[in-house]
């Protein structure tokens, strides 16, 4: 047998892998890790505290133990240090929001075949939902992800001499916060939908940057972007749109950049053959399920979009980021 030859067992593991996913999602949605990070409890004691039946809770606790997220000593369960760090709401490194966002996406993914057959989304766009809980999971989930990645990006980008940053579609403002913390002379505007304002303003205040970061609401497809900037940061917004809408976004960004201004575009970037890396290829299906025209784009496509919008010297920065993410930088003409 060749080293990389797959077996039926591999296929069945791939098919049934969602069992572990659902167990994790249930543990986070029921917030089991927070009390178990504080003290060890028996299944019956935790069931009494949460007012759940013993039977199902004990089964879930055992499964989470088998997954390495809980520890069991006799009849008592406790969170592992890893789970206490990332899955307890009391932890500053809590990642539960992005996990709950993933949970909210599952119903749509279960109808992927319908999306492929019809060529249209089978669920609403999560960034535009009126469901307050889903909106919180989305916005704060983006905060979770950005807090993991921003420290790997921001120190590698030289913004010396630049004073005004536009964080377009910036959600809770995580990148604006990191750029401003790293560049003391920088101020920023986070531009996003009105429903994003509470999350952004709360996060900006939390980091003590309300005097340097302003939130402005609007729709960057249908509305105008006000102000003048010498750097624009567009993180994970182009993939929600088709090529025509991307052209509109880039043209509006170019219009508010000073001559020689810098544009930075972060996306999950496909190879030019579009059959890898794996995460951007799967993420493109996520856009099929939930948007009218969104998709993952290849490096060549993103560079061409920037050039058509008038930007110069577009190139990918040498950053090693997770999930096929990359940052492409270009310059506004006239500098």
C-alpha atoms as a PDB file:
ATOM      1  CA  UNK A   1       0.000   0.000   0.000  1.00  0.00           C
ATOM      2  CA  UNK A   2       1.313   3.454  -0.909  1.00  0.00           C
ATOM      3  CA  UNK A   3       2.081   5.713   2.015  1.00  0.00           C
ATOM      4  CA  UNK A   4      -0.626   8.241   1.139  1.00  0.00           C
ATOM      5  CA  UNK A   5      -3.255   5.762  -0.018  1.00  0.00           C
ATOM      6  CA  UNK A   6      -6.582   6.307   1.694  1.00  0.00           C
ATOM      7  CA  UNK A   7      -8.699   3.568   3.223  1.00  0.00           C
ATOM      8  CA  UNK A   8     -12.457   3.178   3.743  1.00  0.00           C
ATOM      9  CA  UNK A   9     -11.840   3.979   7.412  1.00  0.00           C
ATOM     10  CA  UNK A  10     -10.448   7.385   6.391  1.00  0.00           C
ATOM     11  CA  UNK A  11     -13.583   8.056   4.364  1.00  0.00           C
ATOM     12  CA  UNK A  12     -15.867   7.104   7.234  1.00  0.00           C
ATOM     13  CA  UNK A  13     -13.885   9.280   9.625  1.00  0.00           C
ATOM     14  CA  UNK A  14     -14.253  12.183   7.190  1.00  0.00           C
ATOM     15  CA  UNK A  15     -17.987  11.538   6.877  1.00  0.00           C
ATOM     16  CA  UNK A  16     -18.665  11.211  10.604  1.00  0.00           C
ATOM     17  CA  UNK A  17     -16.313  13.916  11.830  1.00  0.00           C
ATOM     18  CA  UNK A  18     -19.265  16.194  12.506  1.00  0.00           C
ATOM     19  CA  UNK A  19     -20.100  14.158  15.625  1.00  0.00           C
ATOM     20  CA  UNK A  20     -17.120  15.700  17.428  1.00  0.00           C
ATOM     21  CA  UNK A  21     -18.010  19.104  16.022  1.00  0.00           C
ATOM     22  CA  UNK A  22     -21.552  18.868  17.356  1.00  0.00           C
ATOM     23  CA  UNK A  23     -20.340  17.740  20.778  1.00  0.00           C
ATOM     24  CA  UNK A  24     -17.989  20.733  20.983  1.00  0.00           C
ATOM     25  CA  UNK A  25     -20.726  23.124  19.826  1.00  0.00           C
ATOM     26  CA  UNK A  26     -23.156  21.728  22.409  1.00  0.00           C
ATOM     27  CA  UNK A  27     -20.599  22.115  25.199  1.00  0.00           C
ATOM     28  CA  UNK A  28     -20.018  25.755  24.257  1.00  0.00           C
ATOM     29  CA  UNK A  29     -23.676  26.562  23.641  1.00  0.00           C
ATOM     30  CA  UNK A  30     -24.636  25.099  27.031  1.00  0.00           C
ATOM     31  CA  UNK A  31     -21.624  26.896  28.584  1.00  0.00           C
ATOM     32  CA  UNK A  32     -20.379  23.774  30.355  1.00  0.00           C
ATOM     33  CA  UNK A  33     -16.731  24.820  30.394  1.00  0.00           C
ATOM     34  CA  UNK A  34     -17.164  27.959  32.515  1.00  0.00           C
ATOM     35  CA  UNK A  35     -18.323  26.265  35.745  1.00  0.00           C
ATOM     36  CA  UNK A  36     -15.963  23.334  35.189  1.00  0.00           C
ATOM     37  CA  UNK A  37     -13.039  25.754  34.868  1.00  0.00           C
ATOM     38  CA  UNK A  38     -13.875  27.040  38.346  1.00  0.00           C
ATOM     39  CA  UNK A  39     -14.368  23.711  40.136  1.00  0.00           C
ATOM     40  CA  UNK A  40     -14.772  19.997  39.509  1.00  0.00           C
ATOM     41  CA  UNK A  41     -18.340  18.730  39.619  1.00  0.00           C
ATOM     42  CA  UNK A  42     -20.163  15.451  39.182  1.00  0.00           C
ATOM     43  CA  UNK A  43     -22.599  15.140  36.303  1.00  0.00           C
ATOM     44  CA  UNK A  44     -25.522  15.119  38.728  1.00  0.00           C
ATOM     45  CA  UNK A  45     -24.276  18.243  40.543  1.00  0.00           C
ATOM     46  CA  UNK A  46     -23.801  20.109  37.272  1.00  0.00           C
ATOM     47  CA  UNK A  47     -27.174  18.880  36.021  1.00  0.00           C
ATOM     48  CA  UNK A  48     -28.857  20.188  39.165  1.00  0.00           C
ATOM     49  CA  UNK A  49     -27.138  23.564  38.790  1.00  0.00           C
ATOM     50  CA  UNK A  50     -28.163  23.893  35.131  1.00  0.00           C
ATOM     51  CA  UNK A  51     -31.585  22.220  35.502  1.00  0.00           C
ATOM     52  CA  UNK A  52     -30.820  19.592  32.836  1.00  0.00           C
ATOM     53  CA  UNK A  53     -31.565  15.845  33.025  1.00  0.00           C
ATOM     54  CA  UNK A  54     -28.605  13.762  34.211  1.00  0.00           C
ATOM     55  CA  UNK A  55     -28.609  11.235  31.362  1.00  0.00           C
ATOM     56  CA  UNK A  56     -27.775  13.405  28.372  1.00  0.00           C
ATOM     57  CA  UNK A  57     -25.452  15.705  30.279  1.00  0.00           C
ATOM     58  CA  UNK A  58     -23.376  12.795  31.578  1.00  0.00           C
ATOM     59  CA  UNK A  59     -23.075  11.418  28.040  1.00  0.00           C
ATOM     60  CA  UNK A  60     -21.906  14.789  26.722  1.00  0.00           C
ATOM     61  CA  UNK A  61     -19.425  15.230  29.572  1.00  0.00           C
ATOM     62  CA  UNK A  62     -17.956  11.794  28.863  1.00  0.00           C
ATOM     63  CA  UNK A  63     -17.653  12.579  25.164  1.00  0.00           C
ATOM     64  CA  UNK A  64     -15.930  15.895  25.868  1.00  0.00           C
ATOM     65  CA  UNK A  65     -13.584  14.024  28.191  1.00  0.00           C
ATOM     66  CA  UNK A  66     -12.789  11.526  25.445  1.00  0.00           C
ATOM     67  CA  UNK A  67     -12.077  14.502  23.156  1.00  0.00           C
ATOM     68  CA  UNK A  68      -9.493  15.813  25.625  1.00  0.00           C
ATOM     69  CA  UNK A  69     -11.436  18.930  26.645  1.00  0.00           C
ATOM     70  CA  UNK A  70     -12.457  17.715  30.118  1.00  0.00           C
ATOM     71  CA  UNK A  71     -10.720  15.617  32.746  1.00  0.00           C
ATOM     72  CA  UNK A  72     -12.548  13.038  34.842  1.00  0.00           C
ATOM     73  CA  UNK A  73     -11.491  11.956  38.317  1.00  0.00           C
ATOM     74  CA  UNK A  74     -13.871   9.388  39.757  1.00  0.00           C
ATOM     75  CA  UNK A  75     -17.295  10.921  39.142  1.00  0.00           C
ATOM     76  CA  UNK A  76     -16.112  14.519  38.966  1.00  0.00           C
ATOM     77  CA  UNK A  77     -15.350  16.487  35.811  1.00  0.00           C
ATOM     78  CA  UNK A  78     -13.137  19.513  35.320  1.00  0.00           C
ATOM     79  CA  UNK A  79     -11.997  21.577  32.351  1.00  0.00           C
ATOM     80  CA  UNK A  80      -8.513  20.908  31.029  1.00  0.00           C
ATOM     81  CA  UNK A  81      -6.160  23.918  31.169  1.00  0.00           C
ATOM     82  CA  UNK A  82      -6.603  24.279  27.392  1.00  0.00           C
ATOM     83  CA  UNK A  83     -10.397  24.298  27.623  1.00  0.00           C
ATOM     84  CA  UNK A  84     -10.358  26.655  30.606  1.00  0.00           C
ATOM     85  CA  UNK A  85      -8.205  29.064  28.592  1.00  0.00           C
ATOM     86  CA  UNK A  86     -10.236  29.097  25.389  1.00  0.00           C
ATOM     87  CA  UNK A  87     -13.734  27.785  26.204  1.00  0.00           C
ATOM     88  CA  UNK A  88     -14.616  29.341  29.573  1.00  0.00           C
ATOM     89  CA  UNK A  89     -16.491  32.636  29.247  1.00  0.00           C
ATOM     90  CA  UNK A  90     -14.519  33.989  32.199  1.00  0.00           C
ATOM     91  CA  UNK A  91     -11.259  33.764  30.220  1.00  0.00           C
ATOM     92  CA  UNK A  92      -9.953  36.815  28.292  1.00  0.00           C
ATOM     93  CA  UNK A  93      -8.941  34.371  25.521  1.00  0.00           C
ATOM     94  CA  UNK A  94     -12.452  32.894  25.143  1.00  0.00           C
ATOM     95  CA  UNK A  95     -13.093  31.578  21.612  1.00  0.00           C
ATOM     96  CA  UNK A  96     -16.676  30.554  22.163  1.00  0.00           C
ATOM     97  CA  UNK A  97     -18.118  33.286  19.960  1.00  0.00           C
ATOM     98  CA  UNK A  98     -16.500  32.000  16.779  1.00  0.00           C
ATOM     99  CA  UNK A  99     -17.499  28.446  17.726  1.00  0.00           C
ATOM    100  CA  UNK A 100     -21.116  29.574  18.162  1.00  0.00           C
ATOM    101  CA  UNK A 101     -20.870  31.353  14.795  1.00  0.00           C
ATOM    102  CA  UNK A 102     -19.744  28.075  13.237  1.00  0.00           C
ATOM    103  CA  UNK A 103     -22.697  26.388  14.927  1.00  0.00           C
ATOM    104  CA  UNK A 104     -25.066  28.919  13.354  1.00  0.00           C
ATOM    105  CA  UNK A 105     -23.641  28.114   9.911  1.00  0.00           C
ATOM    106  CA  UNK A 106     -24.297  24.371  10.137  1.00  0.00           C
ATOM    107  CA  UNK A 107     -27.947  24.415   9.038  1.00  0.00           C
ATOM    108  CA  UNK A 108     -26.985  26.137   5.811  1.00  0.00           C
ATOM    109  CA  UNK A 109     -24.068  23.789   5.166  1.00  0.00           C
ATOM    110  CA  UNK A 110     -26.456  20.864   5.562  1.00  0.00           C
ATOM    111  CA  UNK A 111     -28.187  22.187   2.421  1.00  0.00           C
ATOM    112  CA  UNK A 112     -25.026  22.585   0.363  1.00  0.00           C
ATOM    113  CA  UNK A 113     -26.378  20.258  -2.321  1.00  0.00           C
ATOM    114  CA  UNK A 114     -29.351  22.601  -2.786  1.00  0.00           C
ATOM    115  CA  UNK A 115     -27.053  25.607  -3.082  1.00  0.00           C
ATOM    116  CA  UNK A 116     -24.990  23.832  -5.728  1.00  0.00           C
ATOM    117  CA  UNK A 117     -28.072  22.734  -7.670  1.00  0.00           C
ATOM    118  CA  UNK A 118     -29.728  26.149  -7.525  1.00  0.00           C
ATOM    119  CA  UNK A 119     -26.635  28.333  -7.632  1.00  0.00           C
ATOM    120  CA  UNK A 120     -28.133  30.515  -4.910  1.00  0.00           C
ATOM    121  CA  UNK A 121     -27.756  30.901  -1.129  1.00  0.00           C
ATOM    122  CA  UNK A 122     -29.893  28.745   1.139  1.00  0.00           C
ATOM    123  CA  UNK A 123     -29.567  30.979   4.216  1.00  0.00           C
ATOM    124  CA  UNK A 124     -29.364  34.690   4.892  1.00  0.00           C
ATOM    125  CA  UNK A 125     -26.072  36.536   5.089  1.00  0.00           C
ATOM    126  CA  UNK A 126     -24.956  36.308   8.721  1.00  0.00           C
ATOM    127  CA  UNK A 127     -23.360  39.763   8.713  1.00  0.00           C
ATOM    128  CA  UNK A 128     -26.799  41.261   7.959  1.00  0.00           C
ATOM    129  CA  UNK A 129     -28.946  39.180  10.323  1.00  0.00           C
ATOM    130  CA  UNK A 130     -31.528  40.696  12.661  1.00  0.00           C
ATOM    131  CA  UNK A 131     -31.019  37.837  15.155  1.00  0.00           C
ATOM    132  CA  UNK A 132     -29.234  39.540  18.052  1.00  0.00           C
ATOM    133  CA  UNK A 133     -27.586  36.366  19.369  1.00  0.00           C
ATOM    134  CA  UNK A 134     -26.368  35.312  15.921  1.00  0.00           C
ATOM    135  CA  UNK A 135     -25.130  38.834  15.284  1.00  0.00           C
ATOM    136  CA  UNK A 136     -23.171  38.824  18.537  1.00  0.00           C
ATOM    137  CA  UNK A 137     -21.612  35.445  17.693  1.00  0.00           C
ATOM    138  CA  UNK A 138     -20.606  36.753  14.261  1.00  0.00           C
ATOM    139  CA  UNK A 139     -19.178  40.095  15.375  1.00  0.00           C
ATOM    140  CA  UNK A 140     -17.394  38.786  18.447  1.00  0.00           C
ATOM    141  CA  UNK A 141     -16.345  35.679  16.526  1.00  0.00           C
ATOM    142  CA  UNK A 142     -14.560  37.993  14.093  1.00  0.00           C
ATOM    143  CA  UNK A 143     -12.987  39.604  17.150  1.00  0.00           C
ATOM    144  CA  UNK A 144     -11.829  36.160  18.332  1.00  0.00           C
ATOM    145  CA  UNK A 145     -10.161  35.401  14.998  1.00  0.00           C
ATOM    146  CA  UNK A 146      -8.599  38.828  14.591  1.00  0.00           C
ATOM    147  CA  UNK A 147      -7.144  38.717  18.101  1.00  0.00           C
ATOM    148  CA  UNK A 148      -5.329  35.517  17.107  1.00  0.00           C
ATOM    149  CA  UNK A 149      -4.029  36.782  13.760  1.00  0.00           C
ATOM    150  CA  UNK A 150      -3.501  40.548  14.189  1.00  0.00           C
ATOM    151  CA  UNK A 151      -0.364  40.172  16.364  1.00  0.00           C
ATOM    152  CA  UNK A 152       1.206  38.166  13.509  1.00  0.00           C
ATOM    153  CA  UNK A 153       0.365  40.796  10.885  1.00  0.00           C
ATOM    154  CA  UNK A 154       0.519  44.289  12.386  1.00  0.00           C
ATOM    155  CA  UNK A 155       4.192  44.311  13.493  1.00  0.00           C
ATOM    156  CA  UNK A 156       5.219  43.205   9.981  1.00  0.00           C
ATOM    157  CA  UNK A 157       3.621  46.185   8.205  1.00  0.00           C
ATOM    158  CA  UNK A 158       5.491  49.492   8.205  1.00  0.00           C
ATOM    159  CA  UNK A 159       3.041  52.378   8.625  1.00  0.00           C
ATOM    160  CA  UNK A 160       5.642  54.931   9.696  1.00  0.00           C
ATOM    161  CA  UNK A 161       4.710  58.378   8.421  1.00  0.00           C
ATOM    162  CA  UNK A 162       1.060  57.426   7.928  1.00  0.00           C
ATOM    163  CA  UNK A 163      -1.473  59.147  10.147  1.00  0.00           C
ATOM    164  CA  UNK A 164      -5.018  58.145   9.166  1.00  0.00           C
ATOM    165  CA  UNK A 165      -6.268  54.568   8.723  1.00  0.00           C
ATOM    166  CA  UNK A 166      -9.582  53.412   7.256  1.00  0.00           C
ATOM    167  CA  UNK A 167     -10.657  50.002   8.593  1.00  0.00           C
ATOM    168  CA  UNK A 168     -13.315  49.224   6.007  1.00  0.00           C
ATOM    169  CA  UNK A 169     -15.870  46.653   7.125  1.00  0.00           C
ATOM    170  CA  UNK A 170     -13.889  46.552  10.347  1.00  0.00           C
ATOM    171  CA  UNK A 171     -16.578  44.943  12.520  1.00  0.00           C
ATOM    172  CA  UNK A 172     -15.612  45.319  16.184  1.00  0.00           C
ATOM    173  CA  UNK A 173     -12.482  47.269  15.202  1.00  0.00           C
ATOM    174  CA  UNK A 174      -9.891  44.714  16.242  1.00  0.00           C
ATOM    175  CA  UNK A 175      -7.392  45.514  13.501  1.00  0.00           C
ATOM    176  CA  UNK A 176      -7.790  49.276  13.923  1.00  0.00           C
ATOM    177  CA  UNK A 177      -7.040  48.737  17.604  1.00  0.00           C
ATOM    178  CA  UNK A 178      -3.900  46.710  16.916  1.00  0.00           C
ATOM    179  CA  UNK A 179      -2.631  49.100  14.254  1.00  0.00           C
ATOM    180  CA  UNK A 180      -3.142  52.081  16.567  1.00  0.00           C
ATOM    181  CA  UNK A 181      -1.515  50.356  19.534  1.00  0.00           C
ATOM    182  CA  UNK A 182       1.517  49.540  17.369  1.00  0.00           C
ATOM    183  CA  UNK A 183       1.668  53.001  15.736  1.00  0.00           C
ATOM    184  CA  UNK A 184       1.264  55.740  18.399  1.00  0.00           C
ATOM    185  CA  UNK A 185       0.786  58.554  15.838  1.00  0.00           C
ATOM    186  CA  UNK A 186      -2.007  56.744  13.963  1.00  0.00           C
ATOM    187  CA  UNK A 187      -5.728  57.481  14.203  1.00  0.00           C
ATOM    188  CA  UNK A 188      -8.427  55.359  12.586  1.00  0.00           C
ATOM    189  CA  UNK A 189     -12.001  55.173  11.383  1.00  0.00           C
ATOM    190  CA  UNK A 190     -13.881  51.868  11.524  1.00  0.00           C
ATOM    191  CA  UNK A 191     -16.563  51.870   8.816  1.00  0.00           C
ATOM    192  CA  UNK A 192     -19.265  49.204   8.959  1.00  0.00           C
ATOM    193  CA  UNK A 193     -23.015  48.622   9.145  1.00  0.00           C
ATOM    194  CA  UNK A 194     -25.004  50.421  11.880  1.00  0.00           C
ATOM    195  CA  UNK A 195     -25.710  47.124  13.661  1.00  0.00           C
ATOM    196  CA  UNK A 196     -21.967  46.770  14.246  1.00  0.00           C
ATOM    197  CA  UNK A 197     -21.643  50.011  16.212  1.00  0.00           C
ATOM    198  CA  UNK A 198     -22.361  48.604  19.733  1.00  0.00           C
ATOM    199  CA  UNK A 199     -19.723  45.891  19.357  1.00  0.00           C
ATOM    200  CA  UNK A 200     -17.121  48.253  17.907  1.00  0.00           C
ATOM    201  CA  UNK A 201     -17.584  51.049  20.410  1.00  0.00           C
ATOM    202  CA  UNK A 202     -17.523  48.635  23.349  1.00  0.00           C
ATOM    203  CA  UNK A 203     -14.310  47.025  22.086  1.00  0.00           C
ATOM    204  CA  UNK A 204     -12.608  50.352  21.309  1.00  0.00           C
ATOM    205  CA  UNK A 205     -13.391  51.642  24.811  1.00  0.00           C
ATOM    206  CA  UNK A 206     -12.188  48.376  26.325  1.00  0.00           C
ATOM    207  CA  UNK A 207      -8.742  48.975  24.805  1.00  0.00           C
ATOM    208  CA  UNK A 208      -8.687  52.639  25.839  1.00  0.00           C
ATOM    209  CA  UNK A 209      -8.603  54.028  22.292  1.00  0.00           C
ATOM    210  CA  UNK A 210     -11.848  56.008  22.049  1.00  0.00           C
ATOM    211  CA  UNK A 211      -9.821  59.201  21.542  1.00  0.00           C
ATOM    212  CA  UNK A 212      -8.045  57.763  18.467  1.00  0.00           C
ATOM    213  CA  UNK A 213     -10.560  55.412  16.830  1.00  0.00           C
ATOM    214  CA  UNK A 214     -13.952  56.554  15.555  1.00  0.00           C
ATOM    215  CA  UNK A 215     -16.806  54.363  14.321  1.00  0.00           C
ATOM    216  CA  UNK A 216     -18.812  55.505  11.304  1.00  0.00           C
ATOM    217  CA  UNK A 217     -21.744  53.509   9.993  1.00  0.00           C
ATOM    218  CA  UNK A 218     -22.822  52.963   6.423  1.00  0.00           C
ATOM    219  CA  UNK A 219     -22.964  50.486   3.557  1.00  0.00           C
ATOM    220  CA  UNK A 220     -19.803  50.518   1.470  1.00  0.00           C
ATOM    221  CA  UNK A 221     -21.661  49.143  -1.551  1.00  0.00           C
ATOM    222  CA  UNK A 222     -24.566  51.593  -1.691  1.00  0.00           C
ATOM    223  CA  UNK A 223     -23.264  54.481   0.417  1.00  0.00           C
ATOM    224  CA  UNK A 224     -20.364  56.913   0.352  1.00  0.00           C
ATOM    225  CA  UNK A 225     -17.152  56.685   2.351  1.00  0.00           C
ATOM    226  CA  UNK A 226     -16.233  60.048   3.851  1.00  0.00           C
ATOM    227  CA  UNK A 227     -12.836  61.386   4.818  1.00  0.00           C
ATOM    228  CA  UNK A 228      -9.269  61.201   3.561  1.00  0.00           C
ATOM    229  CA  UNK A 229      -6.822  58.476   4.525  1.00  0.00           C
ATOM    230  CA  UNK A 230      -3.272  57.422   3.786  1.00  0.00           C
ATOM    231  CA  UNK A 231      -3.818  53.713   4.528  1.00  0.00           C
ATOM    232  CA  UNK A 232      -6.842  51.452   4.102  1.00  0.00           C
ATOM    233  CA  UNK A 233      -7.274  48.010   5.657  1.00  0.00           C
ATOM    234  CA  UNK A 234      -9.837  45.665   4.054  1.00  0.00           C
ATOM    235  CA  UNK A 235      -9.929  42.415   6.012  1.00  0.00           C
ATOM    236  CA  UNK A 236     -12.139  39.553   4.839  1.00  0.00           C
ATOM    237  CA  UNK A 237     -14.806  41.686   3.132  1.00  0.00           C
ATOM    238  CA  UNK A 238     -14.256  41.076  -0.592  1.00  0.00           C
ATOM    239  CA  UNK A 239     -15.131  37.379  -0.362  1.00  0.00           C
ATOM    240  CA  UNK A 240     -18.744  38.247   0.536  1.00  0.00           C
ATOM    241  CA  UNK A 241     -19.183  39.988  -2.830  1.00  0.00           C
ATOM    242  CA  UNK A 242     -18.980  39.143  -6.515  1.00  0.00           C
ATOM    243  CA  UNK A 243     -16.364  40.721  -8.814  1.00  0.00           C
ATOM    244  CA  UNK A 244     -18.602  43.689  -9.748  1.00  0.00           C
ATOM    245  CA  UNK A 245     -19.240  44.605  -6.109  1.00  0.00           C
ATOM    246  CA  UNK A 246     -15.537  44.145  -5.311  1.00  0.00           C
ATOM    247  CA  UNK A 247     -14.735  46.629  -8.070  1.00  0.00           C
ATOM    248  CA  UNK A 248     -17.122  49.139  -6.455  1.00  0.00           C
ATOM    249  CA  UNK A 249     -15.502  48.678  -3.029  1.00  0.00           C
ATOM    250  CA  UNK A 250     -11.979  49.104  -4.381  1.00  0.00           C
ATOM    251  CA  UNK A 251     -12.936  52.136  -6.465  1.00  0.00           C
ATOM    252  CA  UNK A 252     -14.500  53.826  -3.421  1.00  0.00           C
ATOM    253  CA  UNK A 253     -11.416  53.006  -1.362  1.00  0.00           C
ATOM    254  CA  UNK A 254      -9.130  54.452  -4.031  1.00  0.00           C
ATOM    255  CA  UNK A 255     -11.209  57.649  -4.055  1.00  0.00           C
ATOM    256  CA  UNK A 256     -10.589  58.369  -0.361  1.00  0.00           C
ATOM    257  CA  UNK A 257      -6.878  57.499  -0.297  1.00  0.00           C
ATOM    258  CA  UNK A 258      -4.282  60.232  -0.578  1.00  0.00           C
ATOM    259  CA  UNK A 259      -1.823  59.962  -3.506  1.00  0.00           C
ATOM    260  CA  UNK A 260       0.648  57.260  -2.592  1.00  0.00           C
ATOM    261  CA  UNK A 261      -1.725  55.857   0.010  1.00  0.00           C
ATOM    262  CA  UNK A 262      -1.480  52.192   0.920  1.00  0.00           C
ATOM    263  CA  UNK A 263      -4.230  49.595   0.582  1.00  0.00           C
ATOM    264  CA  UNK A 264      -3.968  46.279   2.441  1.00  0.00           C
ATOM    265  CA  UNK A 265      -6.356  43.445   1.554  1.00  0.00           C
ATOM    266  CA  UNK A 266      -6.547  40.337   3.724  1.00  0.00           C
ATOM    267  CA  UNK A 267      -8.416  37.307   2.383  1.00  0.00           C
ATOM    268  CA  UNK A 268      -8.365  33.507   2.423  1.00  0.00           C
ATOM    269  CA  UNK A 269      -6.482  33.235  -0.857  1.00  0.00           C
ATOM    270  CA  UNK A 270      -6.792  30.412  -3.366  1.00  0.00           C
ATOM    271  CA  UNK A 271      -3.966  29.234  -5.561  1.00  0.00           C
ATOM    272  CA  UNK A 272      -4.431  30.407  -9.128  1.00  0.00           C
ATOM    273  CA  UNK A 273      -5.673  26.899 -10.070  1.00  0.00           C
ATOM    274  CA  UNK A 274      -8.354  27.403  -7.348  1.00  0.00           C
ATOM    275  CA  UNK A 275      -8.114  23.814  -6.065  1.00  0.00           C
ATOM    276  CA  UNK A 276      -6.251  24.698  -2.886  1.00  0.00           C
ATOM    277  CA  UNK A 277      -5.348  25.411  -0.169  1.00  0.00           C
ATOM    278  CA  UNK A 278      -8.136  23.436   1.472  1.00  0.00           C
ATOM    279  CA  UNK A 279      -9.562  26.116   3.762  1.00  0.00           C
ATOM    280  CA  UNK A 280     -10.063  28.813   1.085  1.00  0.00           C
ATOM    281  CA  UNK A 281     -11.614  26.159  -1.193  1.00  0.00           C
ATOM    282  CA  UNK A 282     -14.103  25.146   1.516  1.00  0.00           C
ATOM    283  CA  UNK A 283     -14.657  28.759   2.530  1.00  0.00           C
ATOM    284  CA  UNK A 284     -15.765  29.499  -1.018  1.00  0.00           C
ATOM    285  CA  UNK A 285     -18.574  26.973  -0.486  1.00  0.00           C
ATOM    286  CA  UNK A 286     -19.503  28.831   2.693  1.00  0.00           C
ATOM    287  CA  UNK A 287     -20.008  31.914   0.522  1.00  0.00           C
ATOM    288  CA  UNK A 288     -22.107  29.889  -1.930  1.00  0.00           C
ATOM    289  CA  UNK A 289     -24.381  28.767   0.908  1.00  0.00           C
ATOM    290  CA  UNK A 290     -24.814  32.251   2.361  1.00  0.00           C
ATOM    291  CA  UNK A 291     -24.281  34.972  -0.267  1.00  0.00           C
ATOM    292  CA  UNK A 292     -25.596  35.868  -3.701  1.00  0.00           C
ATOM    293  CA  UNK A 293     -22.222  36.210  -5.415  1.00  0.00           C
ATOM    294  CA  UNK A 294     -19.440  35.795  -2.835  1.00  0.00           C
ATOM    295  CA  UNK A 295     -16.513  33.419  -3.232  1.00  0.00           C
ATOM    296  CA  UNK A 296     -12.867  32.957  -2.348  1.00  0.00           C
ATOM    297  CA  UNK A 297     -10.488  34.640  -4.788  1.00  0.00           C
ATOM    298  CA  UNK A 298      -7.074  33.644  -6.049  1.00  0.00           C
ATOM    299  CA  UNK A 299      -3.995  35.794  -5.628  1.00  0.00           C
ATOM    300  CA  UNK A 300      -4.041  36.560  -9.347  1.00  0.00           C
ATOM    301  CA  UNK A 301      -7.678  37.663  -9.210  1.00  0.00           C
ATOM    302  CA  UNK A 302      -7.087  39.968  -6.243  1.00  0.00           C
ATOM    303  CA  UNK A 303      -4.026  41.556  -7.836  1.00  0.00           C
ATOM    304  CA  UNK A 304      -5.964  42.099 -11.083  1.00  0.00           C
ATOM    305  CA  UNK A 305      -8.870  43.703  -9.176  1.00  0.00           C
ATOM    306  CA  UNK A 306      -6.500  46.146  -7.500  1.00  0.00           C
ATOM    307  CA  UNK A 307      -4.814  47.011 -10.779  1.00  0.00           C
ATOM    308  CA  UNK A 308      -8.145  47.649 -12.494  1.00  0.00           C
ATOM    309  CA  UNK A 309      -9.041  50.021  -9.637  1.00  0.00           C
ATOM    310  CA  UNK A 310      -5.890  52.004 -10.423  1.00  0.00           C
ATOM    311  CA  UNK A 311      -3.609  50.698  -7.704  1.00  0.00           C
ATOM    312  CA  UNK A 312       0.046  50.076  -8.454  1.00  0.00           C
ATOM    313  CA  UNK A 313       2.717  47.582  -7.388  1.00  0.00           C
ATOM    314  CA  UNK A 314       0.240  45.036  -6.004  1.00  0.00           C
ATOM    315  CA  UNK A 315       1.994  42.137  -4.313  1.00  0.00           C
ATOM    316  CA  UNK A 316       1.447  39.559  -1.583  1.00  0.00           C
ATOM    317  CA  UNK A 317       3.309  40.128   1.658  1.00  0.00           C
ATOM    318  CA  UNK A 318       5.527  37.267   2.894  1.00  0.00           C
ATOM    319  CA  UNK A 319       3.381  36.371   5.910  1.00  0.00           C
ATOM    320  CA  UNK A 320       2.795  32.870   7.244  1.00  0.00           C
ATOM    321  CA  UNK A 321      -0.861  32.975   8.315  1.00  0.00           C
ATOM    322  CA  UNK A 322      -3.322  30.189   9.190  1.00  0.00           C
ATOM    323  CA  UNK A 323      -6.055  28.795   6.915  1.00  0.00           C
ATOM    324  CA  UNK A 324      -4.561  30.069   3.676  1.00  0.00           C
ATOM    325  CA  UNK A 325      -4.958  33.704   4.698  1.00  0.00           C
ATOM    326  CA  UNK A 326      -2.751  36.293   3.043  1.00  0.00           C
ATOM    327  CA  UNK A 327      -2.349  40.051   2.763  1.00  0.00           C
ATOM    328  CA  UNK A 328      -1.915  41.847  -0.559  1.00  0.00           C
ATOM    329  CA  UNK A 329      -0.556  45.398  -0.519  1.00  0.00           C
ATOM    330  CA  UNK A 330      -0.760  48.010  -3.257  1.00  0.00           C
ATOM    331  CA  UNK A 331      -0.259  51.754  -3.641  1.00  0.00           C
ATOM    332  CA  UNK A 332      -2.631  54.476  -4.799  1.00  0.00           C
ATOM    333  CA  UNK A 333      -1.201  56.367  -7.803  1.00  0.00           C
ATOM    334  CA  UNK A 334       0.358  59.787  -7.524  1.00  0.00           C
ATOM    335  CA  UNK A 335       2.631  59.293  -4.559  1.00  0.00           C
END
